[in-house]
Amino acid sequence: MNSLILSLRGFISRYKIYFKSSFLYLFPSIFTSIVGIAINPLMAKNLSHEDYAIMGYFNSFSLIFLPILNFSLISYYLRHYYIVPENRRQIISDTILIALLVYSFVALVILCAVFYFYWQVSKISFAFFPYALLTFAPIYFGNFFTLFQIKCRLKREAAKYSKIVIFSAILNTIFAIFFVIIYKYGATGRLLATLLASAITGVYCFVTMFGKFQFDWKIIRDAFNFGWPLSLSAILWYFLSGIDSAMLVKLNDIQTFGLYSVGASMAGYFFIFYTAIAQTFEPDIYKAIAQNERRKLGKILGGIITLNAIPNILFIMFAPTIIGVLTYNRYVDSSNFARIFALKNIVLSLYYCFISVVVGYGFTKSQLFLLIAGSIVSFFIYKVLIANFGFYGAAWGQVSCFLFLSLVVVLYLFYKFKFLKQNEYLSKN
């Protein structure tokens, strides 16, 4: 008995820092979810099916805007943090901040112009202004927020990370209450709330991180060489999880489109668990990869997938009750969509974990080819399923696409590791 207690104490002592940091990373997500859940019934009471459809449609194009606006500069910082000498880290940080400040703004203007042309050609029934501006502008400010979060995680500053995420959530909530519940601006108010919160936190993060004006063109060249496959891969992500909205809007069924968007939104709350867990162990994933500790890497990924699956399975079991409470009983009919999207959360965690290994080992070009193949197959999956089963076909299409892609990535890693092992053996002999 004493030996068991001593072993338990040793386990707690050994992993105390992980428990503490996990709590500080997970708590902001829980807090954000609780606040969102608390105001969601009031949001649902003041947002129509059309409002949800508008937000779902425009937000789907964020999957294209985000990778172009940051061009994987943030991923470059994450990848090279443990590789470069400590005295180079601030130079890299300042260079990336300046690049994001200037390049991202120019890219945002150009992309909005291109999207406006697409919107006119496609003859979409939703108004372009102000929805497009309100949806895409927060992405610009969000880049600084994301870089700040990553910097906190890499430096193990979990408390600082927790404070900024909670602050952002509170701001978003206050603005949402003001513009949606009090002034009843509908989708415009909800999107405006996100923009204001994003702008304030983004500016704060930039000012906090920026050291001095130092810009290294070599870093930018290396970052673009590293990042273009990742960025192109992320753009292709639209064909995996965004193109469904562009196809569904042509069905001219705003009511069901609204339910579809609500279902996706409700299930989205439960993907926060994966985000928090993955962020907690992300530095450990890259550290295990850098040290080539594959057994340890496997344990980390297995733990992330398991911990993410538990809340999603519970949500699938009790979806109608949960959604009834969260939407003032207005959108209970979205439960079946939400269940399918919760299943997608589990499958998506598989893909994210496996692809993080591909990126961590530096196989960025391979990731691009994998996604090209996946996006082509996914396009036809959506095409067939939506043509035959409408909105439910689109929901199951998301599950099918990520399940297929996860399998392809696993097979690739199996082949790659076997190939590397053979090379190691030959080099020794």
Protein backbone atom coordinates (compact mmCIF):
# COMPACT_ATOMS: atom_id res chain seq x y z
CA MET A 1 0.00 0.00 0.00
CA ASN A 2 2.82 2.37 0.95
CA SER A 3 4.64 1.58 -2.28
CA LEU A 4 1.47 2.40 -4.23
CA ILE A 5 1.12 5.75 -2.45
CA LEU A 6 4.79 6.54 -3.07
CA SER A 7 4.43 5.61 -6.75
CA LEU A 8 1.35 7.83 -7.00
CA ARG A 9 3.15 10.73 -5.34
CA GLY A 10 6.09 10.24 -7.67
CA PHE A 11 3.78 10.25 -10.68
CA ILE A 12 2.05 13.44 -9.52
CA SER A 13 5.38 15.12 -8.73
CA ARG A 14 6.87 14.11 -12.09
CA TYR A 15 3.91 15.38 -14.11
CA LYS A 16 2.90 18.27 -11.85
CA ILE A 17 4.03 20.86 -14.39
CA TYR A 18 1.92 19.17 -17.07
CA PHE A 19 -1.17 19.11 -14.85
CA LYS A 20 -0.72 22.78 -14.02
CA SER A 21 -0.09 23.90 -17.60
CA SER A 22 -2.90 21.67 -18.90
CA PHE A 23 -5.30 23.38 -16.52
CA LEU A 24 -4.11 26.85 -17.57
CA TYR A 25 -4.47 25.93 -21.25
CA LEU A 26 -7.74 24.08 -20.84
CA PHE A 27 -9.42 26.55 -18.47
CA PRO A 28 -9.65 29.42 -21.01
CA SER A 29 -11.31 27.05 -23.47
CA ILE A 30 -13.72 25.84 -20.79
CA PHE A 31 -14.38 29.42 -19.73
CA THR A 32 -14.97 30.48 -23.34
CA SER A 33 -17.32 27.54 -23.84
CA ILE A 34 -19.24 28.23 -20.63
CA VAL A 35 -19.68 31.90 -21.55
CA GLY A 36 -20.72 30.94 -25.07
CA ILE A 37 -23.15 28.37 -23.72
CA ALA A 38 -24.57 30.88 -21.23
CA ILE A 39 -25.38 33.50 -23.87
CA ASN A 40 -26.19 31.07 -26.70
CA PRO A 41 -29.91 30.78 -25.85
CA LEU A 42 -30.17 34.58 -26.04
CA MET A 43 -28.17 34.60 -29.27
CA ALA A 44 -30.44 31.94 -30.76
CA LYS A 45 -33.51 33.89 -29.68
CA ASN A 46 -32.25 36.97 -31.55
CA LEU A 47 -30.69 35.29 -34.62
CA SER A 48 -32.83 33.90 -37.44
CA HIS A 49 -32.23 30.91 -39.69
CA GLU A 50 -31.05 33.36 -42.34
CA ASP A 51 -28.57 34.96 -39.92
CA TYR A 52 -27.00 31.58 -39.19
CA ALA A 53 -26.95 30.73 -42.89
CA ILE A 54 -25.18 34.02 -43.71
CA MET A 55 -22.54 33.50 -41.02
CA GLY A 56 -22.03 29.87 -42.04
CA TYR A 57 -21.63 30.78 -45.70
CA PHE A 58 -19.14 33.65 -45.31
CA ASN A 59 -17.16 31.92 -42.56
CA SER A 60 -16.57 28.95 -44.88
CA PHE A 61 -14.36 31.18 -47.07
CA SER A 62 -12.15 31.97 -44.09
CA LEU A 63 -10.47 28.66 -44.88
CA ILE A 64 -9.06 30.32 -48.01
CA PHE A 65 -8.31 33.74 -46.51
CA LEU A 66 -6.43 32.53 -43.40
CA PRO A 67 -3.54 30.62 -45.05
CA ILE A 68 -3.02 33.37 -47.62
CA LEU A 69 -2.95 36.14 -45.01
CA ASN A 70 -0.40 34.43 -42.76
CA PHE A 71 1.38 32.33 -45.42
CA SER A 72 2.44 29.87 -42.70
CA LEU A 73 4.85 32.43 -41.20
CA ILE A 74 3.52 31.43 -37.77
CA SER A 75 4.17 27.75 -38.50
CA TYR A 76 7.73 28.67 -39.49
CA TYR A 77 8.23 30.33 -36.10
CA LEU A 78 6.86 27.28 -34.31
CA ARG A 79 8.98 24.86 -36.31
CA HIS A 80 12.27 26.77 -35.82
CA TYR A 81 11.89 27.93 -32.21
CA TYR A 82 13.82 24.99 -30.73
CA ILE A 83 16.28 24.87 -33.64
CA VAL A 84 17.68 28.42 -33.76
CA PRO A 85 19.92 29.89 -31.03
CA GLU A 86 18.08 31.77 -28.29
CA ASN A 87 19.55 35.15 -29.35
CA ARG A 88 17.93 34.74 -32.81
CA ARG A 89 14.39 34.14 -31.58
CA GLN A 90 13.44 37.80 -31.09
CA ILE A 91 14.82 38.70 -34.53
CA ILE A 92 12.63 36.01 -36.09
CA SER A 93 9.63 37.21 -34.06
CA ASP A 94 10.06 40.88 -35.07
CA THR A 95 10.60 39.99 -38.72
CA ILE A 96 7.45 37.88 -38.84
CA LEU A 97 5.43 40.56 -37.04
CA ILE A 98 6.45 43.22 -39.58
CA ALA A 99 5.71 40.86 -42.47
CA LEU A 100 2.27 40.05 -41.08
CA LEU A 101 1.53 43.74 -40.52
CA VAL A 102 2.29 44.82 -44.10
CA TYR A 103 1.90 41.75 -46.31
CA SER A 104 -1.33 40.53 -44.68
CA PHE A 105 -3.05 43.89 -45.13
CA VAL A 106 -2.21 44.04 -48.84
CA ALA A 107 -3.29 40.41 -49.27
CA LEU A 108 -6.59 41.13 -47.48
CA VAL A 109 -7.46 43.97 -49.85
CA ILE A 110 -6.65 41.89 -52.95
CA LEU A 111 -8.57 38.86 -51.70
CA CYS A 112 -11.67 40.92 -50.89
CA ALA A 113 -11.60 42.30 -54.45
CA VAL A 114 -11.30 38.77 -55.89
CA PHE A 115 -14.10 37.51 -53.66
CA TYR A 116 -16.33 40.39 -54.75
CA PHE A 117 -15.82 39.35 -58.37
CA TYR A 118 -16.70 35.74 -57.47
CA TRP A 119 -19.77 36.92 -55.54
CA GLN A 120 -21.06 38.88 -58.57
CA VAL A 121 -20.42 36.05 -61.03
CA SER A 122 -22.05 33.45 -58.75
CA LYS A 123 -25.07 35.71 -58.11
CA ILE A 124 -25.24 34.86 -54.41
CA SER A 125 -28.45 36.03 -52.72
CA PHE A 126 -26.62 37.22 -49.57
CA ALA A 127 -25.35 40.81 -49.58
CA PHE A 128 -21.59 41.26 -50.01
CA PHE A 129 -21.33 44.29 -47.74
CA PRO A 130 -21.00 44.36 -44.77
CA TYR A 131 -20.81 40.59 -44.27
CA ALA A 132 -17.62 39.96 -46.25
CA LEU A 133 -15.67 42.77 -44.56
CA LEU A 134 -16.89 41.82 -41.08
CA THR A 135 -16.00 38.17 -41.64
CA PHE A 136 -12.55 38.51 -43.21
CA ALA A 137 -11.07 41.51 -41.36
CA PRO A 138 -10.79 39.65 -38.02
CA ILE A 139 -8.45 37.15 -39.70
CA TYR A 140 -5.87 39.94 -40.16
CA PHE A 141 -5.85 40.81 -36.45
CA GLY A 142 -6.17 37.17 -35.45
CA ASN A 143 -2.71 36.42 -36.86
CA PHE A 144 -1.07 38.48 -34.11
CA PHE A 145 -3.29 36.83 -31.50
CA THR A 146 -2.30 33.36 -32.76
CA LEU A 147 1.42 34.18 -32.79
CA PHE A 148 1.15 35.49 -29.23
CA GLN A 149 -0.52 32.27 -28.09
CA ILE A 150 2.14 30.13 -29.73
CA LYS A 151 4.91 32.22 -28.20
CA CYS A 152 3.35 31.75 -24.75
CA ARG A 153 3.12 27.99 -25.23
CA LEU A 154 6.69 27.68 -26.47
CA LYS A 155 8.00 29.73 -23.54
CA ARG A 156 5.74 27.75 -21.16
CA GLU A 157 3.97 30.96 -20.10
CA ALA A 158 0.64 29.27 -19.52
CA ALA A 159 -0.69 31.97 -17.18
CA LYS A 160 -0.11 34.71 -19.76
CA TYR A 161 -1.75 32.53 -22.42
CA SER A 162 -4.76 31.96 -20.18
CA LYS A 163 -5.26 35.66 -19.45
CA ILE A 164 -5.25 36.81 -23.08
CA VAL A 165 -7.67 34.09 -24.22
CA ILE A 166 -10.09 34.87 -21.39
CA PHE A 167 -9.80 38.60 -22.08
CA SER A 168 -10.61 38.05 -25.75
CA ALA A 169 -13.61 35.86 -24.88
CA ILE A 170 -15.00 38.45 -22.47
CA LEU A 171 -14.64 41.23 -25.04
CA ASN A 172 -16.36 39.14 -27.71
CA THR A 173 -19.21 38.33 -25.35
CA ILE A 174 -19.73 41.95 -24.26
CA PHE A 175 -19.85 43.18 -27.85
CA ALA A 176 -22.15 40.30 -28.87
CA ILE A 177 -24.62 41.13 -26.09
CA PHE A 178 -24.50 44.80 -27.05
CA PHE A 179 -24.98 44.39 -30.82
CA VAL A 180 -27.14 41.26 -31.01
CA ILE A 181 -29.27 41.16 -27.86
CA ILE A 182 -29.63 44.88 -27.04
CA TYR A 183 -29.54 46.49 -30.51
CA LYS A 184 -30.68 43.38 -32.44
CA TYR A 185 -28.40 43.78 -35.46
CA GLY A 186 -28.58 40.06 -36.25
CA ALA A 187 -25.72 38.55 -38.25
CA THR A 188 -24.20 42.03 -38.73
CA GLY A 189 -24.02 42.53 -34.97
CA ARG A 190 -22.55 39.10 -34.30
CA LEU A 191 -19.84 39.51 -36.92
CA LEU A 192 -19.10 43.09 -35.79
CA ALA A 193 -18.62 41.84 -32.21
CA THR A 194 -15.99 39.37 -33.42
CA LEU A 195 -14.20 42.06 -35.45
CA LEU A 196 -13.96 44.52 -32.56
CA ALA A 197 -12.74 41.89 -30.09
CA SER A 198 -10.21 40.61 -32.62
CA ALA A 199 -8.92 44.11 -33.39
CA ILE A 200 -8.39 45.02 -29.75
CA THR A 201 -6.64 41.77 -28.78
CA GLY A 202 -4.63 41.73 -32.02
CA VAL A 203 -3.23 45.23 -31.47
CA TYR A 204 -2.41 44.39 -27.85
CA CYS A 205 -0.58 41.20 -28.85
CA PHE A 206 1.43 43.00 -31.54
CA VAL A 207 2.54 45.76 -29.16
CA THR A 208 3.42 43.22 -26.45
CA MET A 209 5.51 40.96 -28.73
CA PHE A 210 7.26 43.57 -30.86
CA GLY A 211 10.83 44.27 -29.75
CA LYS A 212 12.28 46.75 -32.23
CA PHE A 213 12.34 47.38 -35.97
CA GLN A 214 14.61 44.60 -37.21
CA PHE A 215 13.82 42.84 -40.46
CA ASP A 216 15.84 39.95 -41.87
CA TRP A 217 15.08 39.17 -45.52
CA LYS A 218 16.80 35.79 -45.19
CA ILE A 219 14.26 34.76 -42.55
CA ILE A 220 11.41 35.77 -44.84
CA ARG A 221 12.88 33.85 -47.77
CA ASP A 222 13.36 30.77 -45.61
CA ALA A 223 9.87 31.19 -44.15
CA PHE A 224 8.26 31.44 -47.60
CA ASN A 225 10.21 28.42 -48.86
CA PHE A 226 9.11 26.51 -45.78
CA GLY A 227 5.56 27.82 -45.79
CA TRP A 228 4.31 27.78 -49.37
CA PRO A 229 3.49 24.05 -49.35
CA LEU A 230 1.71 24.48 -46.00
CA SER A 231 -0.21 27.52 -47.22
CA LEU A 232 -1.24 25.86 -50.44
CA SER A 233 -2.25 22.81 -48.40
CA ALA A 234 -4.34 25.00 -46.12
CA ILE A 235 -6.05 26.59 -49.12
CA LEU A 236 -6.89 23.11 -50.36
CA TRP A 237 -8.46 22.60 -46.93
CA TYR A 238 -11.39 24.61 -48.27
CA PHE A 239 -12.24 21.68 -50.53
CA LEU A 240 -12.31 19.42 -47.49
CA SER A 241 -14.37 21.47 -45.07
CA GLY A 242 -15.65 24.62 -46.75
CA ILE A 243 -16.81 23.94 -50.27
CA ASP A 244 -19.97 22.30 -48.93
CA SER A 245 -21.39 25.76 -48.12
CA ALA A 246 -20.77 27.00 -51.68
CA MET A 247 -22.61 23.93 -52.99
CA LEU A 248 -25.44 24.04 -50.44
CA VAL A 249 -26.30 27.71 -51.02
CA LYS A 250 -27.35 26.74 -54.56
CA LEU A 251 -30.09 24.50 -53.12
CA ASN A 252 -31.96 27.72 -52.14
CA ASP A 253 -33.14 26.30 -48.81
CA ILE A 254 -32.27 28.99 -46.25
CA GLN A 255 -34.22 27.26 -43.45
CA THR A 256 -32.25 24.00 -43.66
CA PHE A 257 -29.00 25.87 -44.34
CA GLY A 258 -29.57 27.68 -41.05
CA LEU A 259 -30.11 24.37 -39.20
CA TYR A 260 -27.01 22.94 -40.87
CA SER A 261 -24.95 25.95 -39.69
CA VAL A 262 -26.36 25.73 -36.16
CA GLY A 263 -25.50 22.03 -35.99
CA ALA A 264 -21.95 22.76 -37.09
CA SER A 265 -21.71 25.57 -34.54
CA MET A 266 -22.99 23.39 -31.67
CA ALA A 267 -20.56 20.59 -32.48
CA GLY A 268 -17.82 23.21 -32.79
CA TYR A 269 -18.06 23.87 -29.06
CA PHE A 270 -16.84 20.32 -28.46
CA PHE A 271 -13.85 20.62 -30.78
CA ILE A 272 -12.51 23.18 -28.32
CA PHE A 273 -11.46 20.21 -26.16
CA TYR A 274 -9.12 19.01 -28.90
CA THR A 275 -7.72 22.51 -29.40
CA ALA A 276 -6.93 22.92 -25.71
CA ILE A 277 -5.42 19.43 -25.36
CA ALA A 278 -3.38 19.73 -28.55
CA GLN A 279 -2.08 23.18 -27.55
CA THR A 280 -0.98 21.80 -24.19
CA PHE A 281 1.10 19.03 -25.74
CA GLU A 282 2.12 20.75 -28.99
CA PRO A 283 5.61 21.69 -27.74
CA ASP A 284 6.07 18.09 -26.54
CA ILE A 285 5.08 16.77 -29.98
CA TYR A 286 7.71 18.91 -31.70
CA LYS A 287 10.27 18.09 -29.00
CA ALA A 288 9.66 14.34 -29.39
CA ILE A 289 10.00 14.71 -33.15
CA ALA A 290 13.22 16.73 -32.80
CA GLN A 291 14.64 13.99 -30.54
CA ASN A 292 13.16 11.25 -32.77
CA GLU A 293 11.39 9.58 -29.82
CA ARG A 294 8.65 7.82 -31.81
CA ARG A 295 7.30 5.72 -28.95
CA LYS A 296 6.79 8.81 -26.81
CA LEU A 297 5.25 10.58 -29.80
CA GLY A 298 2.76 7.75 -30.26
CA LYS A 299 1.69 7.94 -26.60
CA ILE A 300 1.16 11.70 -26.82
CA LEU A 301 -0.96 11.44 -29.98
CA GLY A 302 -2.97 8.51 -28.58
CA GLY A 303 -3.74 10.49 -25.43
CA ILE A 304 -4.86 13.54 -27.40
CA ILE A 305 -7.20 11.51 -29.62
CA THR A 306 -8.74 9.63 -26.67
CA LEU A 307 -9.30 12.72 -24.53
CA ASN A 308 -10.93 14.50 -27.48
CA ALA A 309 -13.25 11.58 -28.27
CA ILE A 310 -14.85 11.33 -24.81
CA PRO A 311 -16.77 14.69 -24.74
CA ASN A 312 -17.81 14.30 -28.38
CA ILE A 313 -19.29 10.85 -27.75
CA LEU A 314 -21.23 12.23 -24.78
CA PHE A 315 -22.53 15.05 -26.96
CA ILE A 316 -23.68 12.58 -29.64
CA MET A 317 -25.68 10.71 -26.98
CA PHE A 318 -27.42 13.79 -25.56
CA ALA A 319 -27.44 16.21 -28.51
CA PRO A 320 -31.20 17.03 -28.63
CA THR A 321 -31.32 17.91 -24.93
CA ILE A 322 -28.11 19.95 -25.03
CA ILE A 323 -29.08 21.86 -28.16
CA GLY A 324 -32.57 22.49 -26.80
CA VAL A 325 -31.06 24.18 -23.76
CA LEU A 326 -28.48 26.10 -25.78
CA THR A 327 -30.84 27.45 -28.43
CA TYR A 328 -33.95 28.33 -26.45
CA ASN A 329 -35.57 25.22 -28.04
CA ARG A 330 -35.61 27.04 -31.40
CA TYR A 331 -33.07 24.85 -33.19
CA VAL A 332 -33.53 21.33 -31.77
CA ASP A 333 -34.05 20.15 -35.36
CA SER A 334 -30.33 20.73 -35.92
CA SER A 335 -29.48 17.83 -33.56
CA ASN A 336 -28.95 15.25 -36.30
CA PHE A 337 -26.56 17.56 -38.13
CA ALA A 338 -24.74 18.29 -34.85
CA ARG A 339 -24.28 14.57 -34.14
CA ILE A 340 -22.66 14.02 -37.51
CA PHE A 341 -20.37 17.02 -37.01
CA ALA A 342 -19.38 15.70 -33.54
CA LEU A 343 -18.34 12.45 -35.22
CA LYS A 344 -16.36 14.57 -37.66
CA ASN A 345 -14.59 16.15 -34.64
CA ILE A 346 -13.25 12.74 -33.66
CA VAL A 347 -12.12 11.87 -37.18
CA LEU A 348 -10.62 15.33 -37.63
CA SER A 349 -8.51 14.89 -34.49
CA LEU A 350 -7.01 11.79 -36.10
CA TYR A 351 -6.03 13.76 -39.17
CA TYR A 352 -4.63 16.72 -37.21
CA CYS A 353 -2.49 14.46 -35.04
CA PHE A 354 -1.10 12.48 -37.96
CA ILE A 355 -0.44 15.52 -40.13
CA SER A 356 1.36 17.27 -37.24
CA VAL A 357 3.89 14.43 -37.42
CA VAL A 358 4.33 14.97 -41.17
CA VAL A 359 4.93 18.71 -40.65
CA GLY A 360 7.10 18.16 -37.58
CA TYR A 361 9.48 15.94 -39.52
CA GLY A 362 9.69 18.61 -42.21
CA PHE A 363 7.80 16.70 -44.91
CA THR A 364 5.88 19.82 -45.91
CA LYS A 365 5.90 19.11 -49.64
CA SER A 366 4.58 15.62 -48.96
CA GLN A 367 1.77 17.15 -46.95
CA LEU A 368 0.89 19.23 -49.98
CA PHE A 369 0.68 16.20 -52.28
CA LEU A 370 -1.42 14.33 -49.72
CA LEU A 371 -3.86 17.22 -49.51
CA ILE A 372 -4.03 17.65 -53.28
CA ALA A 373 -5.06 14.00 -53.59
CA GLY A 374 -7.46 14.35 -50.66
CA SER A 375 -9.07 17.55 -51.94
CA ILE A 376 -9.69 16.07 -55.39
CA VAL A 377 -11.34 12.99 -53.89
CA SER A 378 -13.27 15.15 -51.40
CA PHE A 379 -14.68 17.36 -54.15
CA PHE A 380 -16.26 14.35 -55.83
CA ILE A 381 -17.45 12.93 -52.50
CA TYR A 382 -19.30 16.18 -51.76
CA LYS A 383 -20.59 16.38 -55.31
CA VAL A 384 -22.10 12.89 -55.18
CA LEU A 385 -23.42 13.01 -51.60
CA ILE A 386 -24.97 16.49 -51.88
CA ALA A 387 -26.58 15.63 -55.22
CA ASN A 388 -28.18 12.53 -53.69
CA PHE A 389 -28.72 13.42 -50.03
CA GLY A 390 -28.63 17.24 -49.85
CA PHE A 391 -27.60 18.74 -46.52
CA TYR A 392 -27.17 15.37 -44.79
CA GLY A 393 -24.95 14.29 -47.65
CA ALA A 394 -22.77 17.34 -47.03
CA ALA A 395 -22.48 16.56 -43.30
CA TRP A 396 -21.55 12.92 -43.90
CA GLY A 397 -19.22 14.13 -46.64
CA GLN A 398 -17.11 15.91 -44.03
CA VAL A 399 -16.78 12.72 -41.99
CA SER A 400 -15.94 10.65 -45.07
CA CYS A 401 -13.35 13.11 -46.38
CA PHE A 402 -11.34 13.29 -43.17
CA LEU A 403 -11.57 9.55 -42.58
CA PHE A 404 -10.18 8.95 -46.06
CA LEU A 405 -7.44 11.55 -45.61
CA SER A 406 -6.43 10.20 -42.18
CA LEU A 407 -6.00 6.74 -43.67
CA VAL A 408 -3.86 8.12 -46.51
CA VAL A 409 -1.60 10.03 -44.06
CA VAL A 410 -1.17 6.94 -41.84
CA LEU A 411 -0.15 4.85 -44.84
CA TYR A 412 2.30 7.55 -45.90
CA LEU A 413 3.89 7.74 -42.44
CA PHE A 414 4.17 3.97 -42.28
CA TYR A 415 5.97 3.95 -45.62
CA LYS A 416 8.17 6.94 -44.70
CA PHE A 417 9.30 5.55 -41.36
CA LYS A 418 10.01 2.18 -42.91
CA PHE A 419 12.05 3.90 -45.62
CA LEU A 420 13.99 5.96 -43.06
CA LYS A 421 14.67 2.87 -40.95
CA GLN A 422 16.05 1.03 -43.99
CA ASN A 423 18.34 3.98 -44.78
CA GLU A 424 19.60 4.03 -41.19
CA TYR A 425 20.38 0.32 -41.38
CA LEU A 426 22.21 0.69 -44.71
CA SER A 427 24.26 3.64 -43.45
CA LYS A 428 25.42 1.59 -40.46
CA ASN A 429 26.44 -1.32 -42.67
